[in-house]
ModelCIF file with pLDDT and N, C-alpha, C, O atoms, coordinates in Angstrom:
data_MODEL
#
_entry.id   MODEL 
#
_entity.id                         1 
_entity.type                       polymer 
_entity.pdbx_number_of_molecules   1 
#
_entity_poly.entity_id                      1 
_entity_poly.type                           'polypeptide(L)' 
_entity_poly.nstd_linkage                   no 
_entity_poly.nstd_monomer                   no 
_entity_poly.pdbx_seq_one_letter_code       KVKVIEALEKEKAPNEKIVFVGDGINDAPVLARADVGVAMG 
_entity_poly.pdbx_seq_one_letter_code_can   KVKVIEALEKEKAPNEKIVFVGDGINDAPVLARADVGVAMG 
_entity_poly.pdbx_strand_id                 A 
#
loop_
_entity_poly_seq.entity_id 
_entity_poly_seq.num 
_entity_poly_seq.mon_id 
_entity_poly_seq.hetero 
1 1  LYS n 
1 2  VAL n 
1 3  LYS n 
1 4  VAL n 
1 5  ILE n 
1 6  GLU n 
1 7  ALA n 
1 8  LEU n 
1 9  GLU n 
1 10 LYS n 
1 11 GLU n 
1 12 LYS n 
1 13 ALA n 
1 14 PRO n 
1 15 ASN n 
1 16 GLU n 
1 17 LYS n 
1 18 ILE n 
1 19 VAL n 
1 20 PHE n 
1 21 VAL n 
1 22 GLY n 
1 23 ASP n 
1 24 GLY n 
1 25 ILE n 
1 26 ASN n 
1 27 ASP n 
1 28 ALA n 
1 29 PRO n 
1 30 VAL n 
1 31 LEU n 
1 32 ALA n 
1 33 ARG n 
1 34 ALA n 
1 35 ASP n 
1 36 VAL n 
1 37 GLY n 
1 38 VAL n 
1 39 ALA n 
1 40 MET n 
1 41 GLY n 
#
_struct_asym.id          A 
_struct_asym.entity_id   1 
#
loop_
_ma_qa_metric.id 
_ma_qa_metric.mode 
_ma_qa_metric.name 
_ma_qa_metric.software_group_id 
_ma_qa_metric.type 
1 global pLDDT . pLDDT 
2 local  pLDDT . pLDDT 
#
_ma_qa_metric_global.metric_id      1 
_ma_qa_metric_global.metric_value   86.51 
_ma_qa_metric_global.model_id       1 
_ma_qa_metric_global.ordinal_id     1 
#
loop_
_ma_qa_metric_local.label_asym_id 
_ma_qa_metric_local.label_comp_id 
_ma_qa_metric_local.label_seq_id 
_ma_qa_metric_local.metric_id 
_ma_qa_metric_local.metric_value 
_ma_qa_metric_local.model_id 
_ma_qa_metric_local.ordinal_id 
A LYS 1  2 88.00 1 1  
A VAL 2  2 89.00 1 2  
A LYS 3  2 92.00 1 3  
A VAL 4  2 93.00 1 4  
A ILE 5  2 93.00 1 5  
A GLU 6  2 92.00 1 6  
A ALA 7  2 94.00 1 7  
A LEU 8  2 94.00 1 8  
A GLU 9  2 92.00 1 9  
A LYS 10 2 91.00 1 10 
A GLU 11 2 91.00 1 11 
A LYS 12 2 91.00 1 12 
A ALA 13 2 90.00 1 13 
A PRO 14 2 89.00 1 14 
A ASN 15 2 90.00 1 15 
A GLU 16 2 93.00 1 16 
A LYS 17 2 95.00 1 17 
A ILE 18 2 96.00 1 18 
A VAL 19 2 96.00 1 19 
A PHE 20 2 95.00 1 20 
A VAL 21 2 93.00 1 21 
A GLY 22 2 86.00 1 22 
A ASP 23 2 75.00 1 23 
A GLY 24 2 57.00 1 24 
A ILE 25 2 56.00 1 25 
A ASN 26 2 63.00 1 26 
A ASP 27 2 75.00 1 27 
A ALA 28 2 74.00 1 28 
A PRO 29 2 80.00 1 29 
A VAL 30 2 86.00 1 30 
A LEU 31 2 84.00 1 31 
A ALA 32 2 82.00 1 32 
A ARG 33 2 87.00 1 33 
A ALA 34 2 91.00 1 34 
A ASP 35 2 93.00 1 35 
A VAL 36 2 94.00 1 36 
A GLY 37 2 91.00 1 37 
A VAL 38 2 93.00 1 38 
A ALA 39 2 88.00 1 39 
A MET 40 2 84.00 1 40 
A GLY 41 2 71.00 1 41 
#
loop_
_atom_site.group_PDB 
_atom_site.id 
_atom_site.type_symbol 
_atom_site.label_atom_id 
_atom_site.label_alt_id 
_atom_site.label_comp_id 
_atom_site.label_asym_id 
_atom_site.label_entity_id 
_atom_site.label_seq_id 
_atom_site.pdbx_PDB_ins_code 
_atom_site.Cartn_x 
_atom_site.Cartn_y 
_atom_site.Cartn_z 
_atom_site.occupancy 
_atom_site.B_iso_or_equiv 
_atom_site.pdbx_formal_charge 
_atom_site.auth_seq_id 
_atom_site.auth_comp_id 
_atom_site.auth_asym_id 
_atom_site.auth_atom_id 
_atom_site.pdbx_PDB_model_num 
ATOM 1   N N  . LYS A 1 1  ? 37.190 41.321 -56.267 1.00 88.00 ? 1  LYS A N  1 
ATOM 2   C CA . LYS A 1 1  ? 38.007 42.356 -56.297 1.00 88.00 ? 1  LYS A CA 1 
ATOM 3   C C  . LYS A 1 1  ? 38.198 41.739 -54.722 1.00 88.00 ? 1  LYS A C  1 
ATOM 4   O O  . LYS A 1 1  ? 39.178 41.050 -54.436 1.00 88.00 ? 1  LYS A O  1 
ATOM 5   N N  . VAL A 1 2  ? 37.326 42.014 -53.916 1.00 89.00 ? 2  VAL A N  1 
ATOM 6   C CA . VAL A 1 2  ? 37.516 42.007 -52.550 1.00 89.00 ? 2  VAL A CA 1 
ATOM 7   C C  . VAL A 1 2  ? 38.272 40.545 -52.047 1.00 89.00 ? 2  VAL A C  1 
ATOM 8   O O  . VAL A 1 2  ? 39.121 40.439 -51.161 1.00 89.00 ? 2  VAL A O  1 
ATOM 9   N N  . LYS A 1 3  ? 37.615 39.317 -53.004 1.00 92.00 ? 3  LYS A N  1 
ATOM 10  C CA . LYS A 1 3  ? 38.792 38.476 -52.358 1.00 92.00 ? 3  LYS A CA 1 
ATOM 11  C C  . LYS A 1 3  ? 40.174 38.433 -52.771 1.00 92.00 ? 3  LYS A C  1 
ATOM 12  O O  . LYS A 1 3  ? 40.967 37.632 -52.274 1.00 92.00 ? 3  LYS A O  1 
ATOM 13  N N  . VAL A 1 4  ? 40.484 39.252 -53.646 1.00 93.00 ? 4  VAL A N  1 
ATOM 14  C CA . VAL A 1 4  ? 41.907 39.734 -54.314 1.00 93.00 ? 4  VAL A CA 1 
ATOM 15  C C  . VAL A 1 4  ? 42.593 40.235 -53.561 1.00 93.00 ? 4  VAL A C  1 
ATOM 16  O O  . VAL A 1 4  ? 43.669 39.796 -53.153 1.00 93.00 ? 4  VAL A O  1 
ATOM 17  N N  . ILE A 1 5  ? 41.612 42.089 -53.018 1.00 93.00 ? 5  ILE A N  1 
ATOM 18  C CA . ILE A 1 5  ? 42.408 42.537 -51.145 1.00 93.00 ? 5  ILE A CA 1 
ATOM 19  C C  . ILE A 1 5  ? 42.634 41.486 -50.064 1.00 93.00 ? 5  ILE A C  1 
ATOM 20  O O  . ILE A 1 5  ? 43.627 41.362 -49.347 1.00 93.00 ? 5  ILE A O  1 
ATOM 21  N N  . GLU A 1 6  ? 41.712 40.881 -50.083 1.00 92.00 ? 6  GLU A N  1 
ATOM 22  C CA . GLU A 1 6  ? 41.581 39.659 -48.882 1.00 92.00 ? 6  GLU A CA 1 
ATOM 23  C C  . GLU A 1 6  ? 43.138 39.229 -49.173 1.00 92.00 ? 6  GLU A C  1 
ATOM 24  O O  . GLU A 1 6  ? 44.061 39.417 -48.380 1.00 92.00 ? 6  GLU A O  1 
ATOM 25  N N  . ALA A 1 7  ? 43.262 38.551 -50.600 1.00 94.00 ? 7  ALA A N  1 
ATOM 26  C CA . ALA A 1 7  ? 44.475 37.677 -50.647 1.00 94.00 ? 7  ALA A CA 1 
ATOM 27  C C  . ALA A 1 7  ? 45.614 37.904 -50.488 1.00 94.00 ? 7  ALA A C  1 
ATOM 28  O O  . ALA A 1 7  ? 46.541 37.153 -50.186 1.00 94.00 ? 7  ALA A O  1 
ATOM 29  N N  . LEU A 1 8  ? 45.563 39.532 -50.797 1.00 94.00 ? 8  LEU A N  1 
ATOM 30  C CA . LEU A 1 8  ? 47.061 40.429 -50.355 1.00 94.00 ? 8  LEU A CA 1 
ATOM 31  C C  . LEU A 1 8  ? 47.048 40.591 -49.192 1.00 94.00 ? 8  LEU A C  1 
ATOM 32  O O  . LEU A 1 8  ? 48.037 40.419 -48.480 1.00 94.00 ? 8  LEU A O  1 
ATOM 33  N N  . GLU A 1 9  ? 45.740 41.012 -48.719 1.00 92.00 ? 9  GLU A N  1 
ATOM 34  C CA . GLU A 1 9  ? 46.464 40.832 -47.293 1.00 92.00 ? 9  GLU A CA 1 
ATOM 35  C C  . GLU A 1 9  ? 47.957 40.065 -46.329 1.00 92.00 ? 9  GLU A C  1 
ATOM 36  O O  . GLU A 1 9  ? 48.905 40.468 -45.654 1.00 92.00 ? 9  GLU A O  1 
ATOM 37  N N  . LYS A 1 10 ? 47.540 39.109 -46.682 1.00 91.00 ? 10 LYS A N  1 
ATOM 38  C CA . LYS A 1 10 ? 48.439 37.541 -46.447 1.00 91.00 ? 10 LYS A CA 1 
ATOM 39  C C  . LYS A 1 10 ? 49.645 38.034 -46.069 1.00 91.00 ? 10 LYS A C  1 
ATOM 40  O O  . LYS A 1 10 ? 50.388 37.890 -45.099 1.00 91.00 ? 10 LYS A O  1 
ATOM 41  N N  . GLU A 1 11 ? 49.659 39.145 -47.888 1.00 91.00 ? 11 GLU A N  1 
ATOM 42  C CA . GLU A 1 11 ? 51.178 39.341 -48.176 1.00 91.00 ? 11 GLU A CA 1 
ATOM 43  C C  . GLU A 1 11 ? 51.788 40.576 -47.451 1.00 91.00 ? 11 GLU A C  1 
ATOM 44  O O  . GLU A 1 11 ? 52.762 41.213 -47.850 1.00 91.00 ? 11 GLU A O  1 
ATOM 45  N N  . LYS A 1 12 ? 51.119 40.798 -46.410 1.00 91.00 ? 12 LYS A N  1 
ATOM 46  C CA . LYS A 1 12 ? 51.666 42.239 -46.131 1.00 91.00 ? 12 LYS A CA 1 
ATOM 47  C C  . LYS A 1 12 ? 52.246 41.837 -44.752 1.00 91.00 ? 12 LYS A C  1 
ATOM 48  O O  . LYS A 1 12 ? 52.014 40.751 -44.222 1.00 91.00 ? 12 LYS A O  1 
ATOM 49  N N  . ALA A 1 13 ? 53.287 43.144 -44.035 1.00 90.00 ? 13 ALA A N  1 
ATOM 50  C CA . ALA A 1 13 ? 53.643 42.684 -43.161 1.00 90.00 ? 13 ALA A CA 1 
ATOM 51  C C  . ALA A 1 13 ? 52.530 43.443 -42.490 1.00 90.00 ? 13 ALA A C  1 
ATOM 52  O O  . ALA A 1 13 ? 51.680 43.932 -43.234 1.00 90.00 ? 13 ALA A O  1 
ATOM 53  N N  . PRO A 1 14 ? 52.373 43.671 -40.746 1.00 89.00 ? 14 PRO A N  1 
ATOM 54  C CA . PRO A 1 14 ? 51.256 43.793 -39.770 1.00 89.00 ? 14 PRO A CA 1 
ATOM 55  C C  . PRO A 1 14 ? 50.915 45.815 -40.156 1.00 89.00 ? 14 PRO A C  1 
ATOM 56  O O  . PRO A 1 14 ? 49.897 46.505 -40.099 1.00 89.00 ? 14 PRO A O  1 
ATOM 57  N N  . ASN A 1 15 ? 52.699 46.176 -40.610 1.00 90.00 ? 15 ASN A N  1 
ATOM 58  C CA . ASN A 1 15 ? 52.573 47.692 -39.968 1.00 90.00 ? 15 ASN A CA 1 
ATOM 59  C C  . ASN A 1 15 ? 52.326 48.294 -41.330 1.00 90.00 ? 15 ASN A C  1 
ATOM 60  O O  . ASN A 1 15 ? 52.154 49.467 -41.663 1.00 90.00 ? 15 ASN A O  1 
ATOM 61  N N  . GLU A 1 16 ? 52.362 46.931 -42.177 1.00 93.00 ? 16 GLU A N  1 
ATOM 62  C CA . GLU A 1 16 ? 52.141 47.675 -44.237 1.00 93.00 ? 16 GLU A CA 1 
ATOM 63  C C  . GLU A 1 16 ? 50.562 47.654 -44.589 1.00 93.00 ? 16 GLU A C  1 
ATOM 64  O O  . GLU A 1 16 ? 49.665 46.915 -44.181 1.00 93.00 ? 16 GLU A O  1 
ATOM 65  N N  . LYS A 1 17 ? 50.553 48.711 -45.476 1.00 95.00 ? 17 LYS A N  1 
ATOM 66  C CA . LYS A 1 17 ? 48.610 49.194 -46.087 1.00 95.00 ? 17 LYS A CA 1 
ATOM 67  C C  . LYS A 1 17 ? 48.724 48.692 -47.566 1.00 95.00 ? 17 LYS A C  1 
ATOM 68  O O  . LYS A 1 17 ? 49.677 48.706 -48.344 1.00 95.00 ? 17 LYS A O  1 
ATOM 69  N N  . ILE A 1 18 ? 46.894 48.054 -47.750 1.00 96.00 ? 18 ILE A N  1 
ATOM 70  C CA . ILE A 1 18 ? 47.075 48.241 -48.770 1.00 96.00 ? 18 ILE A CA 1 
ATOM 71  C C  . ILE A 1 18 ? 46.373 49.047 -49.317 1.00 96.00 ? 18 ILE A C  1 
ATOM 72  O O  . ILE A 1 18 ? 45.352 49.466 -48.771 1.00 96.00 ? 18 ILE A O  1 
ATOM 73  N N  . VAL A 1 19 ? 46.889 49.568 -50.899 1.00 96.00 ? 19 VAL A N  1 
ATOM 74  C CA . VAL A 1 19 ? 45.974 51.287 -51.437 1.00 96.00 ? 19 VAL A CA 1 
ATOM 75  C C  . VAL A 1 19 ? 44.780 50.192 -52.162 1.00 96.00 ? 19 VAL A C  1 
ATOM 76  O O  . VAL A 1 19 ? 45.249 49.062 -52.297 1.00 96.00 ? 19 VAL A O  1 
ATOM 77  N N  . PHE A 1 20 ? 44.086 50.261 -52.393 1.00 95.00 ? 20 PHE A N  1 
ATOM 78  C CA . PHE A 1 20 ? 43.177 49.940 -54.244 1.00 95.00 ? 20 PHE A CA 1 
ATOM 79  C C  . PHE A 1 20 ? 42.585 51.483 -54.743 1.00 95.00 ? 20 PHE A C  1 
ATOM 80  O O  . PHE A 1 20 ? 42.255 52.495 -54.124 1.00 95.00 ? 20 PHE A O  1 
ATOM 81  N N  . VAL A 1 21 ? 42.624 51.170 -55.952 1.00 93.00 ? 21 VAL A N  1 
ATOM 82  C CA . VAL A 1 21 ? 42.564 52.577 -57.039 1.00 93.00 ? 21 VAL A CA 1 
ATOM 83  C C  . VAL A 1 21 ? 41.379 52.195 -58.219 1.00 93.00 ? 21 VAL A C  1 
ATOM 84  O O  . VAL A 1 21 ? 41.550 51.517 -59.232 1.00 93.00 ? 21 VAL A O  1 
ATOM 85  N N  . GLY A 1 22 ? 40.323 52.752 -57.823 1.00 86.00 ? 22 GLY A N  1 
ATOM 86  C CA . GLY A 1 22 ? 39.099 52.635 -58.036 1.00 86.00 ? 22 GLY A CA 1 
ATOM 87  C C  . GLY A 1 22 ? 38.509 54.170 -59.119 1.00 86.00 ? 22 GLY A C  1 
ATOM 88  O O  . GLY A 1 22 ? 39.224 55.089 -59.519 1.00 86.00 ? 22 GLY A O  1 
ATOM 89  N N  . ASP A 1 23 ? 37.328 54.022 -59.301 1.00 75.00 ? 23 ASP A N  1 
ATOM 90  C CA . ASP A 1 23 ? 36.612 55.035 -59.794 1.00 75.00 ? 23 ASP A CA 1 
ATOM 91  C C  . ASP A 1 23 ? 35.297 55.482 -58.678 1.00 75.00 ? 23 ASP A C  1 
ATOM 92  O O  . ASP A 1 23 ? 34.539 56.403 -58.980 1.00 75.00 ? 23 ASP A O  1 
ATOM 93  N N  . GLY A 1 24 ? 35.136 54.688 -57.329 1.00 57.00 ? 24 GLY A N  1 
ATOM 94  C CA . GLY A 1 24 ? 34.638 55.591 -56.610 1.00 57.00 ? 24 GLY A CA 1 
ATOM 95  C C  . GLY A 1 24 ? 33.107 54.919 -56.609 1.00 57.00 ? 24 GLY A C  1 
ATOM 96  O O  . GLY A 1 24 ? 32.479 54.882 -55.551 1.00 57.00 ? 24 GLY A O  1 
ATOM 97  N N  . ILE A 1 25 ? 32.534 54.386 -57.852 1.00 56.00 ? 25 ILE A N  1 
ATOM 98  C CA . ILE A 1 25 ? 32.069 54.489 -58.104 1.00 56.00 ? 25 ILE A CA 1 
ATOM 99  C C  . ILE A 1 25 ? 30.821 52.696 -57.932 1.00 56.00 ? 25 ILE A C  1 
ATOM 100 O O  . ILE A 1 25 ? 29.725 52.539 -57.395 1.00 56.00 ? 25 ILE A O  1 
ATOM 101 N N  . ASN A 1 26 ? 31.628 51.846 -58.591 1.00 63.00 ? 26 ASN A N  1 
ATOM 102 C CA . ASN A 1 26 ? 31.881 50.464 -59.430 1.00 63.00 ? 26 ASN A CA 1 
ATOM 103 C C  . ASN A 1 26 ? 32.511 49.891 -58.355 1.00 63.00 ? 26 ASN A C  1 
ATOM 104 O O  . ASN A 1 26 ? 32.345 48.693 -58.125 1.00 63.00 ? 26 ASN A O  1 
ATOM 105 N N  . ASP A 1 27 ? 33.360 50.723 -57.517 1.00 75.00 ? 27 ASP A N  1 
ATOM 106 C CA . ASP A 1 27 ? 34.412 49.688 -57.077 1.00 75.00 ? 27 ASP A CA 1 
ATOM 107 C C  . ASP A 1 27 ? 33.894 50.311 -55.649 1.00 75.00 ? 27 ASP A C  1 
ATOM 108 O O  . ASP A 1 27 ? 34.952 50.538 -55.061 1.00 75.00 ? 27 ASP A O  1 
ATOM 109 N N  . ALA A 1 28 ? 33.017 50.634 -54.943 1.00 74.00 ? 28 ALA A N  1 
ATOM 110 C CA . ALA A 1 28 ? 32.798 50.362 -53.711 1.00 74.00 ? 28 ALA A CA 1 
ATOM 111 C C  . ALA A 1 28 ? 32.895 49.805 -52.288 1.00 74.00 ? 28 ALA A C  1 
ATOM 112 O O  . ALA A 1 28 ? 33.064 50.365 -51.205 1.00 74.00 ? 28 ALA A O  1 
ATOM 113 N N  . PRO A 1 29 ? 32.627 47.676 -52.863 1.00 80.00 ? 29 PRO A N  1 
ATOM 114 C CA . PRO A 1 29 ? 32.776 47.365 -51.646 1.00 80.00 ? 29 PRO A CA 1 
ATOM 115 C C  . PRO A 1 29 ? 33.892 47.414 -51.679 1.00 80.00 ? 29 PRO A C  1 
ATOM 116 O O  . PRO A 1 29 ? 34.232 47.314 -50.500 1.00 80.00 ? 29 PRO A O  1 
ATOM 117 N N  . VAL A 1 30 ? 35.237 47.561 -52.613 1.00 86.00 ? 30 VAL A N  1 
ATOM 118 C CA . VAL A 1 30 ? 36.845 46.770 -52.816 1.00 86.00 ? 30 VAL A CA 1 
ATOM 119 C C  . VAL A 1 30 ? 37.184 47.884 -52.097 1.00 86.00 ? 30 VAL A C  1 
ATOM 120 O O  . VAL A 1 30 ? 37.926 47.659 -51.141 1.00 86.00 ? 30 VAL A O  1 
ATOM 121 N N  . LEU A 1 31 ? 36.814 49.169 -52.302 1.00 84.00 ? 31 LEU A N  1 
ATOM 122 C CA . LEU A 1 31 ? 36.919 50.774 -51.776 1.00 84.00 ? 31 LEU A CA 1 
ATOM 123 C C  . LEU A 1 31 ? 37.464 50.094 -50.098 1.00 84.00 ? 31 LEU A C  1 
ATOM 124 O O  . LEU A 1 31 ? 38.544 49.877 -49.549 1.00 84.00 ? 31 LEU A O  1 
ATOM 125 N N  . ALA A 1 32 ? 36.559 50.002 -49.882 1.00 82.00 ? 32 ALA A N  1 
ATOM 126 C CA . ALA A 1 32 ? 35.849 49.741 -48.221 1.00 82.00 ? 32 ALA A CA 1 
ATOM 127 C C  . ALA A 1 32 ? 36.680 49.405 -47.650 1.00 82.00 ? 32 ALA A C  1 
ATOM 128 O O  . ALA A 1 32 ? 37.165 50.061 -46.729 1.00 82.00 ? 32 ALA A O  1 
ATOM 129 N N  . ARG A 1 33 ? 37.388 47.470 -48.297 1.00 87.00 ? 33 ARG A N  1 
ATOM 130 C CA . ARG A 1 33 ? 38.157 46.694 -47.777 1.00 87.00 ? 33 ARG A CA 1 
ATOM 131 C C  . ARG A 1 33 ? 39.173 46.888 -47.931 1.00 87.00 ? 33 ARG A C  1 
ATOM 132 O O  . ARG A 1 33 ? 39.966 46.104 -47.409 1.00 87.00 ? 33 ARG A O  1 
ATOM 133 N N  . ALA A 1 34 ? 39.709 48.048 -48.739 1.00 91.00 ? 34 ALA A N  1 
ATOM 134 C CA . ALA A 1 34 ? 41.422 48.162 -48.809 1.00 91.00 ? 34 ALA A CA 1 
ATOM 135 C C  . ALA A 1 34 ? 41.570 49.249 -47.469 1.00 91.00 ? 34 ALA A C  1 
ATOM 136 O O  . ALA A 1 34 ? 40.744 50.136 -47.253 1.00 91.00 ? 34 ALA A O  1 
ATOM 137 N N  . ASP A 1 35 ? 42.722 49.012 -46.665 1.00 93.00 ? 35 ASP A N  1 
ATOM 138 C CA . ASP A 1 35 ? 43.783 49.947 -45.416 1.00 93.00 ? 35 ASP A CA 1 
ATOM 139 C C  . ASP A 1 35 ? 42.916 50.837 -46.482 1.00 93.00 ? 35 ASP A C  1 
ATOM 140 O O  . ASP A 1 35 ? 41.715 50.802 -46.213 1.00 93.00 ? 35 ASP A O  1 
ATOM 141 N N  . VAL A 1 36 ? 43.200 51.521 -47.477 1.00 94.00 ? 36 VAL A N  1 
ATOM 142 C CA . VAL A 1 36 ? 43.011 52.441 -48.328 1.00 94.00 ? 36 VAL A CA 1 
ATOM 143 C C  . VAL A 1 36 ? 42.946 52.766 -49.141 1.00 94.00 ? 36 VAL A C  1 
ATOM 144 O O  . VAL A 1 36 ? 43.899 52.922 -49.904 1.00 94.00 ? 36 VAL A O  1 
ATOM 145 N N  . GLY A 1 37 ? 40.871 53.232 -49.559 1.00 91.00 ? 37 GLY A N  1 
ATOM 146 C CA . GLY A 1 37 ? 40.233 52.799 -50.663 1.00 91.00 ? 37 GLY A CA 1 
ATOM 147 C C  . GLY A 1 37 ? 40.721 54.722 -51.324 1.00 91.00 ? 37 GLY A C  1 
ATOM 148 O O  . GLY A 1 37 ? 40.729 55.690 -50.563 1.00 91.00 ? 37 GLY A O  1 
ATOM 149 N N  . VAL A 1 38 ? 41.128 54.813 -53.126 1.00 93.00 ? 38 VAL A N  1 
ATOM 150 C CA . VAL A 1 38 ? 41.457 55.802 -53.362 1.00 93.00 ? 38 VAL A CA 1 
ATOM 151 C C  . VAL A 1 38 ? 40.685 56.399 -54.834 1.00 93.00 ? 38 VAL A C  1 
ATOM 152 O O  . VAL A 1 38 ? 41.270 55.979 -55.832 1.00 93.00 ? 38 VAL A O  1 
ATOM 153 N N  . ALA A 1 39 ? 39.646 57.177 -55.103 1.00 88.00 ? 39 ALA A N  1 
ATOM 154 C CA . ALA A 1 39 ? 39.002 57.170 -55.737 1.00 88.00 ? 39 ALA A CA 1 
ATOM 155 C C  . ALA A 1 39 ? 39.090 58.121 -56.674 1.00 88.00 ? 39 ALA A C  1 
ATOM 156 O O  . ALA A 1 39 ? 38.903 59.278 -56.296 1.00 88.00 ? 39 ALA A O  1 
ATOM 157 N N  . MET A 1 40 ? 39.436 57.835 -58.311 1.00 84.00 ? 40 MET A N  1 
ATOM 158 C CA . MET A 1 40 ? 40.117 58.656 -59.264 1.00 84.00 ? 40 MET A CA 1 
ATOM 159 C C  . MET A 1 40 ? 38.915 59.323 -60.560 1.00 84.00 ? 40 MET A C  1 
ATOM 160 O O  . MET A 1 40 ? 38.022 58.708 -61.143 1.00 84.00 ? 40 MET A O  1 
ATOM 161 N N  . GLY A 1 41 ? 39.151 60.158 -60.635 1.00 71.00 ? 41 GLY A N  1 
ATOM 162 C CA . GLY A 1 41 ? 38.849 61.135 -61.674 1.00 71.00 ? 41 GLY A CA 1 
ATOM 163 C C  . GLY A 1 41 ? 36.846 61.430 -60.787 1.00 71.00 ? 41 GLY A C  1 
ATOM 164 O O  . GLY A 1 41 ? 36.057 62.227 -61.295 1.00 71.00 ? 41 GLY A O  1 
#
């Protein structure tokens, strides 16, 4: 999942941001890697 976020990083402009939305527990590495990590529930 972290590698996917890194791949998506190449598609965005410098002033744009990637948001990852997960459960905050199992997705800790990818929440930390995204520009904005959103934990739901």
